[in-house]
C-alpha atoms as a PDB file:
ATOM      1  CA  MET A   1      26.658 -85.223 -96.339  1.00  0.00           C
ATOM      2  CA  ALA A   2      27.003 -88.414 -97.830  1.00  0.00           C
ATOM      3  CA  ARG A   3      23.081 -88.488 -97.245  1.00  0.00           C
ATOM      4  CA  LEU A   4      22.278 -85.493 -99.198  1.00  0.00           C
ATOM      5  CA  SER A   5      20.767 -85.488-102.427  1.00  0.00           C
ATOM      6  CA  PRO A   6      22.299 -83.542-105.827  1.00  0.00           C
ATOM      7  CA  ALA A   7      20.098 -81.047-105.010  1.00  0.00           C
ATOM      8  CA  GLU A   8      21.309 -80.517-101.292  1.00  0.00           C
ATOM      9  CA  LEU A   9      24.755 -80.967-102.089  1.00  0.00           C
ATOM     10  CA  GLN A  10      24.372 -77.871-104.539  1.00  0.00           C
ATOM     11  CA  ALA A  11      22.649 -75.698-102.041  1.00  0.00           C
ATOM     12  CA  ASP A  12      25.347 -76.810 -99.588  1.00  0.00           C
ATOM     13  CA  LEU A  13      28.171 -75.596-102.018  1.00  0.00           C
ATOM     14  CA  ALA A  14      26.415 -72.385-102.511  1.00  0.00           C
ATOM     15  CA  ARG A  15      26.354 -71.586 -99.013  1.00  0.00           C
ATOM     16  CA  TRP A  16      30.467 -72.724 -98.871  1.00  0.00           C
ATOM     17  CA  MET A  17      31.240 -70.742-101.637  1.00  0.00           C
ATOM     18  CA  ALA A  18      29.036 -67.335-100.538  1.00  0.00           C
ATOM     19  CA  TRP A  19      30.594 -67.880 -96.981  1.00  0.00           C
ATOM     20  CA  THR A  20      34.378 -67.893 -98.275  1.00  0.00           C
ATOM     21  CA  LYS A  21      33.672 -65.214-100.868  1.00  0.00           C
ATOM     22  CA  SER A  22      32.512 -62.987 -98.060  1.00  0.00           C
ATOM     23  CA  LEU A  23      35.498 -63.667 -95.392  1.00  0.00           C
ATOM     24  CA  ALA A  24      37.950 -63.163 -98.545  1.00  0.00           C
ATOM     25  CA  GLN A  25      35.944 -59.846 -99.602  1.00  0.00           C
ATOM     26  CA  GLN A  26      36.574 -58.633 -95.728  1.00  0.00           C
ATOM     27  CA  GLY A  27      40.223 -59.576 -95.896  1.00  0.00           C
ATOM     28  CA  HIS A  28      39.621 -62.401 -93.450  1.00  0.00           C
ATOM     29  CA  LEU A  29      40.364 -65.532 -95.869  1.00  0.00           C
ATOM     30  CA  GLU A  30      43.907 -66.519 -95.955  1.00  0.00           C
ATOM     31  CA  ASP A  31      43.720 -70.402 -96.907  1.00  0.00           C
ATOM     32  CA  GLY A  32      41.503 -73.321 -96.896  1.00  0.00           C
ATOM     33  CA  GLN A  33      40.940 -76.486 -98.788  1.00  0.00           C
ATOM     34  CA  PRO A  34      38.226 -79.286 -98.249  1.00  0.00           C
ATOM     35  CA  LEU A  35      39.960 -82.543 -97.370  1.00  0.00           C
ATOM     36  CA  ILE A  36      39.467 -85.880 -98.733  1.00  0.00           C
ATOM     37  CA  PRO A  37      37.633 -88.372 -96.440  1.00  0.00           C
ATOM     38  CA  THR A  38      40.318 -91.228 -96.315  1.00  0.00           C
ATOM     39  CA  GLY A  39      44.076 -91.020 -95.612  1.00  0.00           C
ATOM     40  CA  ARG A  40      46.364 -92.373 -93.121  1.00  0.00           C
ATOM     41  CA  VAL A  41      46.602 -91.897 -89.511  1.00  0.00           C
ATOM     42  CA  VAL A  42      50.694 -92.360 -87.563  1.00  0.00           C
ATOM     43  CA  THR A  43      50.109 -93.220 -84.045  1.00  0.00           C
ATOM     44  CA  GLY A  44      52.434 -93.742 -81.075  1.00  0.00           C
ATOM     45  CA  ILE A  45      56.167 -93.894 -80.706  1.00  0.00           C
ATOM     46  CA  THR A  46      56.245 -97.126 -83.017  1.00  0.00           C
ATOM     47  CA  ASN A  47      54.882 -95.277 -85.738  1.00  0.00           C
ATOM     48  CA  HIS A  48      51.950 -97.470 -86.550  1.00  0.00           C
ATOM     49  CA  THR A  49      50.091 -96.695 -89.372  1.00  0.00           C
ATOM     50  CA  SER A  50      46.663 -97.731 -90.190  1.00  0.00           C
ATOM     51  CA  GLU A  51      44.004 -96.445 -92.759  1.00  0.00           C
ATOM     52  CA  GLY A  52      41.656 -93.920 -91.741  1.00  0.00           C
ATOM     53  CA  PRO A  53      40.312 -91.289 -90.381  1.00  0.00           C
ATOM     54  CA  TYR A  54      37.052 -92.699 -89.717  1.00  0.00           C
ATOM     55  CA  ALA A  55      34.102 -91.031 -88.794  1.00  0.00           C
ATOM     56  CA  ASP A  56      33.124 -94.010 -86.434  1.00  0.00           C
ATOM     57  CA  ASN A  57      35.585 -92.403 -83.996  1.00  0.00           C
ATOM     58  CA  GLY A  58      33.595 -89.977 -83.508  1.00  0.00           C
ATOM     59  CA  GLU A  59      35.845 -86.972 -85.389  1.00  0.00           C
ATOM     60  CA  ILE A  60      36.362 -86.517 -88.783  1.00  0.00           C
ATOM     61  CA  ILE A  61      37.813 -83.035 -90.112  1.00  0.00           C
ATOM     62  CA  GLY A  62      36.190 -82.060 -93.439  1.00  0.00           C
ATOM     63  CA  GLY A  63      38.497 -79.399 -94.441  1.00  0.00           C
ATOM     64  CA  TYR A  64      40.200 -76.266 -92.935  1.00  0.00           C
ATOM     65  CA  LEU A  65      40.169 -72.392 -92.980  1.00  0.00           C
ATOM     66  CA  VAL A  66      42.854 -70.058 -92.158  1.00  0.00           C
ATOM     67  CA  VAL A  67      41.215 -66.792 -91.351  1.00  0.00           C
ATOM     68  CA  LEU A  68      42.898 -63.399 -90.367  1.00  0.00           C
ATOM     69  CA  ALA A  69      41.417 -62.407 -87.079  1.00  0.00           C
ATOM     70  CA  ASN A  70      42.314 -59.901 -84.201  1.00  0.00           C
ATOM     71  CA  HIS A  71      41.541 -62.327 -81.429  1.00  0.00           C
ATOM     72  CA  LEU A  72      39.822 -65.622 -80.395  1.00  0.00           C
ATOM     73  CA  ASP A  73      36.590 -63.891 -79.775  1.00  0.00           C
ATOM     74  CA  HIS A  74      36.805 -62.451 -83.702  1.00  0.00           C
ATOM     75  CA  ALA A  75      37.424 -65.690 -84.973  1.00  0.00           C
ATOM     76  CA  THR A  76      34.474 -67.107 -83.005  1.00  0.00           C
ATOM     77  CA  GLU A  77      32.556 -64.403 -84.721  1.00  0.00           C
ATOM     78  CA  LEU A  78      34.007 -64.982 -88.188  1.00  0.00           C
ATOM     79  CA  ALA A  79      32.679 -68.894 -87.270  1.00  0.00           C
ATOM     80  CA  GLN A  80      29.611 -68.178 -86.593  1.00  0.00           C
ATOM     81  CA  ASP A  81      28.215 -68.140 -90.127  1.00  0.00           C
ATOM     82  CA  CYS A  82      30.246 -71.340 -91.260  1.00  0.00           C
ATOM     83  CA  PRO A  83      27.969 -73.518 -93.717  1.00  0.00           C
ATOM     84  CA  ILE A  84      28.637 -76.921 -91.472  1.00  0.00           C
ATOM     85  CA  LEU A  85      26.804 -75.243 -88.571  1.00  0.00           C
ATOM     86  CA  HIS A  86      23.683 -75.679 -90.829  1.00  0.00           C
ATOM     87  CA  TYR A  87      23.627 -79.268 -89.500  1.00  0.00           C
ATOM     88  CA  GLU A  88      22.949 -80.402 -86.389  1.00  0.00           C
ATOM     89  CA  SER A  89      25.967 -82.398 -85.719  1.00  0.00           C
ATOM     90  CA  GLY A  90      28.386 -79.683 -87.591  1.00  0.00           C
ATOM     91  CA  SER A  91      30.914 -77.974 -85.505  1.00  0.00           C
ATOM     92  CA  VAL A  92      33.758 -75.753 -86.107  1.00  0.00           C
ATOM     93  CA  GLU A  93      36.764 -75.863 -84.200  1.00  0.00           C
ATOM     94  CA  ILE A  94      38.821 -72.433 -83.408  1.00  0.00           C
ATOM     95  CA  ARG A  95      42.260 -72.473 -82.846  1.00  0.00           C
ATOM     96  CA  GLU A  96      45.439 -70.135 -82.950  1.00  0.00           C
ATOM     97  CA  ILE A  97      48.235 -70.965 -85.190  1.00  0.00           C
ATOM     98  CA  ILE A  98      51.924 -70.927 -83.345  1.00  0.00           C
ATOM     99  CA  LYS A  99      53.976 -69.402 -85.888  1.00  0.00           C
ATOM    100  CA  LEU A 100      57.400 -71.194 -85.679  1.00  0.00           C
ATOM    101  CA  PRO A 101      60.554 -69.362 -87.455  1.00  0.00           C
ATOM    102  CA  ASN A 102      61.274 -70.838 -90.604  1.00  0.00           C
ATOM    103  CA  PRO A 103      65.103 -72.535 -90.229  1.00  0.00           C
ATOM    104  CA  GLU A 104      65.423 -71.273 -93.736  1.00  0.00           C
ATOM    105  CA  LEU A 105      65.367 -68.122 -93.159  1.00  0.00           C
ATOM    106  CA  ALA A 106      67.367 -67.542 -90.366  1.00  0.00           C
END
């Protein structure tokens, strides 16, 4: 996306806004935000900290959405219109959230 012109960025943003608005209107959008592309990575038992993540390792997450879906197939169907799929290298990872009990509410 860093290679997009200002007009292309505006068009991309419009696609994202339309898609998330549609999900919200259908009652499927629970949460979601874009992520700043830089941060830190903590790895291993030694808790080694490095700057990153970087796209050169092949995996970068640009943001996340939490959708309300009936099952994995339903979530997959909702993802079919994701604007990131407009790009050849775009992909969507779909995973169920494991609901852990909140120890403060126990």
